[in-house]
Amino acid sequence: MKNILIAYYSHSGNTEELAELIRTETGGTLFEIRPKVPYPAAYQAVVSQAKEEIHAGFRPEIGEPVDTGAYDVVLVGSPNWWSTIAPPVASFLEGCDLAGKTVVPFCTHGGGGMAGLARAMEELCPDSEMAEGFAAYGNSGPRARDEVDAWLRAIGLKG
C-alpha cells in the first residue's frame, strides 16, 4: 500500500472540498497549504493580488511545512488561477523535496480545466514522476464522487 499525502491550497473552499473527497476515497493524509499572510476575502482584491503575484513569479511565504519523506505519492491541489497554480502551491512545491515521488495534480476551476497546472507542477518537480491529474468545475467536488473514483482507479490509487 502506498503512503499518500494530499496537499492543497483553497481560497474559496472548492479545492478543500475536492481534497477531502480524495482523502475519503484514498485514506491519504490531508495537508492544507496556508500562506503566512492570507489573501483578502473580497473577490476583486484577491483577483488583483493573485494576478500580480503570478505575473511577477512571486512566491508567498507559507506556514508550517510538512515532512514528505514518508509519502510515496503526493497529490497537489490548487485552484486554477490564470491557467496555472496558485502562488502558495508554487511555494509549497519549491520548498519540498519530492524527488522520486509520484506527484498528482488536481484542481478546481471556473471553466479553464487543468490548463497549465500540470505543466507548472512538472517544472517545479523535475525529479518526480507526474501522474494524470483531475479537474473539477467550481464547487462540483462533492458531486464528482464517481468521476474522482474512476480517476483514482485509473491512476492506481484505488483498488
C-alpha atoms as a PDB file:
ATOM      1  CA  MET A   1       0.000   0.000   0.000  1.00  0.00           C
ATOM      2  CA  LYS A   2       1.238   3.454  -0.904  1.00  0.00           C
ATOM      3  CA  ASN A   3       1.526   6.273   1.619  1.00  0.00           C
ATOM      4  CA  ILE A   4      -0.471   9.168   0.200  1.00  0.00           C
ATOM      5  CA  LEU A   5      -0.285  12.863   1.053  1.00  0.00           C
ATOM      6  CA  ILE A   6      -2.962  15.246  -0.228  1.00  0.00           C
ATOM      7  CA  ALA A   7      -1.589  18.786  -0.072  1.00  0.00           C
ATOM      8  CA  TYR A   8      -3.848  21.592  -1.235  1.00  0.00           C
ATOM      9  CA  TYR A   9      -4.430  25.325  -1.211  1.00  0.00           C
ATOM     10  CA  SER A  10      -8.009  26.568  -1.249  1.00  0.00           C
ATOM     11  CA  HIS A  11      -9.169  30.170  -1.196  1.00  0.00           C
ATOM     12  CA  SER A  12     -12.931  29.734  -1.540  1.00  0.00           C
ATOM     13  CA  GLY A  13     -13.310  26.197  -0.177  1.00  0.00           C
ATOM     14  CA  ASN A  14     -13.830  24.407  -3.502  1.00  0.00           C
ATOM     15  CA  THR A  15     -10.366  22.855  -3.668  1.00  0.00           C
ATOM     16  CA  GLU A  16     -10.626  21.911   0.019  1.00  0.00           C
ATOM     17  CA  GLU A  17     -13.874  20.015  -0.664  1.00  0.00           C
ATOM     18  CA  LEU A  18     -12.226  18.157  -3.537  1.00  0.00           C
ATOM     19  CA  ALA A  19      -9.172  17.352  -1.370  1.00  0.00           C
ATOM     20  CA  GLU A  20     -11.430  15.988   1.368  1.00  0.00           C
ATOM     21  CA  LEU A  21     -13.242  13.796  -1.166  1.00  0.00           C
ATOM     22  CA  ILE A  22      -9.888  12.445  -2.395  1.00  0.00           C
ATOM     23  CA  ARG A  23      -8.879  11.743   1.224  1.00  0.00           C
ATOM     24  CA  THR A  24     -12.120   9.837   1.786  1.00  0.00           C
ATOM     25  CA  GLU A  25     -11.502   7.765  -1.351  1.00  0.00           C
ATOM     26  CA  THR A  26      -7.778   7.053  -0.733  1.00  0.00           C
ATOM     27  CA  GLY A  27      -7.303   7.179   3.039  1.00  0.00           C
ATOM     28  CA  GLY A  28      -4.446   9.622   2.467  1.00  0.00           C
ATOM     29  CA  THR A  29      -3.235  12.305   4.855  1.00  0.00           C
ATOM     30  CA  LEU A  30      -4.631  15.798   4.296  1.00  0.00           C
ATOM     31  CA  PHE A  31      -2.355  18.864   4.484  1.00  0.00           C
ATOM     32  CA  GLU A  32      -3.588  22.410   3.911  1.00  0.00           C
ATOM     33  CA  ILE A  33      -1.068  24.787   2.337  1.00  0.00           C
ATOM     34  CA  ARG A  34      -1.561  28.143   4.090  1.00  0.00           C
ATOM     35  CA  PRO A  35       0.148  31.389   3.124  1.00  0.00           C
ATOM     36  CA  LYS A  36       1.517  33.193   6.201  1.00  0.00           C
ATOM     37  CA  VAL A  37      -0.318  36.301   5.017  1.00  0.00           C
ATOM     38  CA  PRO A  38      -3.822  35.230   3.921  1.00  0.00           C
ATOM     39  CA  TYR A  39      -5.299  36.519   0.705  1.00  0.00           C
ATOM     40  CA  PRO A  40      -8.076  39.108   1.026  1.00  0.00           C
ATOM     41  CA  ALA A  41     -11.601  37.736   1.304  1.00  0.00           C
ATOM     42  CA  ALA A  42     -13.056  40.258  -1.169  1.00  0.00           C
ATOM     43  CA  TYR A  43     -13.184  38.706  -4.643  1.00  0.00           C
ATOM     44  CA  GLN A  44     -11.786  41.658  -6.637  1.00  0.00           C
ATOM     45  CA  ALA A  45      -8.982  42.184  -4.124  1.00  0.00           C
ATOM     46  CA  VAL A  46      -7.828  38.570  -4.302  1.00  0.00           C
ATOM     47  CA  VAL A  47      -8.135  38.602  -8.096  1.00  0.00           C
ATOM     48  CA  SER A  48      -5.881  41.676  -8.346  1.00  0.00           C
ATOM     49  CA  GLN A  49      -3.316  40.420  -5.859  1.00  0.00           C
ATOM     50  CA  ALA A  50      -3.117  36.897  -7.268  1.00  0.00           C
ATOM     51  CA  LYS A  51      -2.846  38.128 -10.863  1.00  0.00           C
ATOM     52  CA  GLU A  52       0.052  40.435  -9.935  1.00  0.00           C
ATOM     53  CA  GLU A  53       1.816  37.679  -7.987  1.00  0.00           C
ATOM     54  CA  ILE A  54       1.514  35.164 -10.822  1.00  0.00           C
ATOM     55  CA  HIS A  55       2.812  37.612 -13.429  1.00  0.00           C
ATOM     56  CA  ALA A  56       5.734  38.548 -11.152  1.00  0.00           C
ATOM     57  CA  GLY A  57       6.568  34.939 -10.249  1.00  0.00           C
ATOM     58  CA  PHE A  58       6.085  35.833  -6.569  1.00  0.00           C
ATOM     59  CA  ARG A  59       6.273  33.014  -4.023  1.00  0.00           C
ATOM     60  CA  PRO A  60       4.496  33.865  -0.765  1.00  0.00           C
ATOM     61  CA  GLU A  61       5.872  32.518   2.469  1.00  0.00           C
ATOM     62  CA  ILE A  62       3.774  29.619   3.656  1.00  0.00           C
ATOM     63  CA  GLY A  63       3.075  28.366   7.171  1.00  0.00           C
ATOM     64  CA  GLU A  64       4.042  25.109   8.765  1.00  0.00           C
ATOM     65  CA  PRO A  65       5.936  22.736   6.490  1.00  0.00           C
ATOM     66  CA  VAL A  66       5.070  19.077   6.111  1.00  0.00           C
ATOM     67  CA  ASP A  67       7.588  16.244   6.112  1.00  0.00           C
ATOM     68  CA  THR A  68       7.032  14.488   2.796  1.00  0.00           C
ATOM     69  CA  GLY A  69       9.651  11.799   3.497  1.00  0.00           C
ATOM     70  CA  ALA A  70       7.177   9.062   4.448  1.00  0.00           C
ATOM     71  CA  TYR A  71       4.979   9.530   1.374  1.00  0.00           C
ATOM     72  CA  ASP A  72       5.252   7.740  -1.968  1.00  0.00           C
ATOM     73  CA  VAL A  73       2.500   9.741  -3.671  1.00  0.00           C
ATOM     74  CA  VAL A  74       1.769  13.442  -3.211  1.00  0.00           C
ATOM     75  CA  LEU A  75      -1.479  14.755  -4.658  1.00  0.00           C
ATOM     76  CA  VAL A  76      -1.265  18.523  -5.013  1.00  0.00           C
ATOM     77  CA  GLY A  77      -4.413  20.616  -5.292  1.00  0.00           C
ATOM     78  CA  SER A  78      -4.842  24.198  -6.407  1.00  0.00           C
ATOM     79  CA  PRO A  79      -7.478  26.469  -7.812  1.00  0.00           C
ATOM     80  CA  ASN A  80      -6.831  27.290 -11.475  1.00  0.00           C
ATOM     81  CA  TRP A  81      -5.681  30.915 -11.316  1.00  0.00           C
ATOM     82  CA  TRP A  82      -4.950  32.313 -14.786  1.00  0.00           C
ATOM     83  CA  SER A  83      -4.230  28.847 -16.193  1.00  0.00           C
ATOM     84  CA  THR A  84      -1.646  27.963 -13.549  1.00  0.00           C
ATOM     85  CA  ILE A  85      -1.230  27.023  -9.894  1.00  0.00           C
ATOM     86  CA  ALA A  86      -1.875  29.482  -7.077  1.00  0.00           C
ATOM     87  CA  PRO A  87       1.352  31.073  -5.744  1.00  0.00           C
ATOM     88  CA  PRO A  88       1.151  29.289  -2.338  1.00  0.00           C
ATOM     89  CA  VAL A  89       1.184  25.948  -4.188  1.00  0.00           C
ATOM     90  CA  ALA A  90       4.299  27.025  -6.090  1.00  0.00           C
ATOM     91  CA  SER A  91       5.914  27.949  -2.746  1.00  0.00           C
ATOM     92  CA  PHE A  92       4.988  24.550  -1.331  1.00  0.00           C
ATOM     93  CA  LEU A  93       6.419  22.662  -4.311  1.00  0.00           C
ATOM     94  CA  GLU A  94       9.640  24.685  -4.298  1.00  0.00           C
ATOM     95  CA  GLY A  95      10.074  24.023  -0.581  1.00  0.00           C
ATOM     96  CA  CYS A  96       9.584  20.234  -0.721  1.00  0.00           C
ATOM     97  CA  ASP A  97      11.913  17.509  -1.844  1.00  0.00           C
ATOM     98  CA  LEU A  98       9.617  15.382  -3.989  1.00  0.00           C
ATOM     99  CA  ALA A  99      12.403  13.637  -5.925  1.00  0.00           C
ATOM    100  CA  GLY A 100      11.492  10.039  -6.688  1.00  0.00           C
ATOM    101  CA  LYS A 101       7.871  10.520  -5.606  1.00  0.00           C
ATOM    102  CA  THR A 102       4.765  10.440  -7.747  1.00  0.00           C
ATOM    103  CA  VAL A 103       3.129  13.875  -7.938  1.00  0.00           C
ATOM    104  CA  VAL A 104      -0.541  14.018  -8.907  1.00  0.00           C
ATOM    105  CA  PRO A 105      -2.098  17.403  -9.753  1.00  0.00           C
ATOM    106  CA  PHE A 106      -5.741  18.226  -9.117  1.00  0.00           C
ATOM    107  CA  CYS A 107      -7.614  21.473  -9.403  1.00  0.00           C
ATOM    108  CA  THR A 108     -10.886  23.302  -9.285  1.00  0.00           C
ATOM    109  CA  HIS A 109     -11.695  25.821 -11.990  1.00  0.00           C
ATOM    110  CA  GLY A 110     -14.289  28.193 -13.358  1.00  0.00           C
ATOM    111  CA  GLY A 111     -14.125  26.882 -16.918  1.00  0.00           C
ATOM    112  CA  GLY A 112     -10.420  26.569 -17.699  1.00  0.00           C
ATOM    113  CA  GLY A 113      -9.967  22.930 -16.722  1.00  0.00           C
ATOM    114  CA  MET A 114      -6.454  21.777 -15.906  1.00  0.00           C
ATOM    115  CA  ALA A 115      -4.955  24.388 -18.315  1.00  0.00           C
ATOM    116  CA  GLY A 116      -1.233  24.732 -17.491  1.00  0.00           C
ATOM    117  CA  LEU A 117      -1.390  23.475 -13.903  1.00  0.00           C
ATOM    118  CA  ALA A 118       0.166  20.064 -14.543  1.00  0.00           C
ATOM    119  CA  ARG A 119       2.954  21.638 -16.619  1.00  0.00           C
ATOM    120  CA  ALA A 120       3.675  24.185 -13.859  1.00  0.00           C
ATOM    121  CA  MET A 121       3.886  21.402 -11.276  1.00  0.00           C
ATOM    122  CA  GLU A 122       6.102  19.324 -13.544  1.00  0.00           C
ATOM    123  CA  GLU A 123       8.512  22.244 -13.925  1.00  0.00           C
ATOM    124  CA  LEU A 124       8.710  22.622 -10.123  1.00  0.00           C
ATOM    125  CA  CYS A 125       9.138  18.842  -9.587  1.00  0.00           C
ATOM    126  CA  PRO A 126      11.625  17.813 -12.294  1.00  0.00           C
ATOM    127  CA  ASP A 127      12.778  14.707 -10.406  1.00  0.00           C
ATOM    128  CA  SER A 128       9.268  13.399  -9.717  1.00  0.00           C
ATOM    129  CA  GLU A 129       7.036  11.149 -11.741  1.00  0.00           C
ATOM    130  CA  MET A 130       3.874  13.000 -12.783  1.00  0.00           C
ATOM    131  CA  ALA A 131       0.568  11.145 -12.866  1.00  0.00           C
ATOM    132  CA  GLU A 132      -2.574  12.148 -14.726  1.00  0.00           C
ATOM    133  CA  GLY A 133      -4.386  14.980 -12.996  1.00  0.00           C
ATOM    134  CA  PHE A 134      -8.025  15.743 -12.301  1.00  0.00           C
ATOM    135  CA  ALA A 135     -10.019  18.951 -12.738  1.00  0.00           C
ATOM    136  CA  ALA A 136     -13.405  19.703 -11.164  1.00  0.00           C
ATOM    137  CA  TYR A 137     -15.575  22.630 -12.198  1.00  0.00           C
ATOM    138  CA  GLY A 138     -16.281  25.120  -9.384  1.00  0.00           C
ATOM    139  CA  ASN A 139     -17.780  23.509  -6.321  1.00  0.00           C
ATOM    140  CA  SER A 140     -18.607  20.244  -8.084  1.00  0.00           C
ATOM    141  CA  GLY A 141     -16.117  18.328  -5.919  1.00  0.00           C
ATOM    142  CA  PRO A 142     -18.731  16.652  -3.693  1.00  0.00           C
ATOM    143  CA  ARG A 143     -20.906  15.797  -6.708  1.00  0.00           C
ATOM    144  CA  ALA A 144     -17.899  14.451  -8.616  1.00  0.00           C
ATOM    145  CA  ARG A 145     -17.508  11.337  -6.427  1.00  0.00           C
ATOM    146  CA  ASP A 146     -17.946   8.882  -9.347  1.00  0.00           C
ATOM    147  CA  GLU A 147     -15.509  10.837 -11.557  1.00  0.00           C
ATOM    148  CA  VAL A 148     -12.954  11.048  -8.731  1.00  0.00           C
ATOM    149  CA  ASP A 149     -13.360   7.323  -8.046  1.00  0.00           C
ATOM    150  CA  ALA A 150     -12.783   6.466 -11.730  1.00  0.00           C
ATOM    151  CA  TRP A 151      -9.745   8.782 -11.904  1.00  0.00           C
ATOM    152  CA  LEU A 152      -8.165   7.332  -8.750  1.00  0.00           C
ATOM    153  CA  ARG A 153      -8.693   3.797 -10.088  1.00  0.00           C
ATOM    154  CA  ALA A 154      -7.183   4.760 -13.469  1.00  0.00           C
ATOM    155  CA  ILE A 155      -4.003   6.088 -11.857  1.00  0.00           C
ATOM    156  CA  GLY A 156      -3.719   3.141  -9.464  1.00  0.00           C
ATOM    157  CA  LEU A 157      -4.542   4.881  -6.185  1.00  0.00           C
ATOM    158  CA  LYS A 158      -7.702   2.942  -5.512  1.00  0.00           C
ATOM    159  CA  GLY A 159      -8.393  -0.755  -5.995  1.00  0.00           C
END
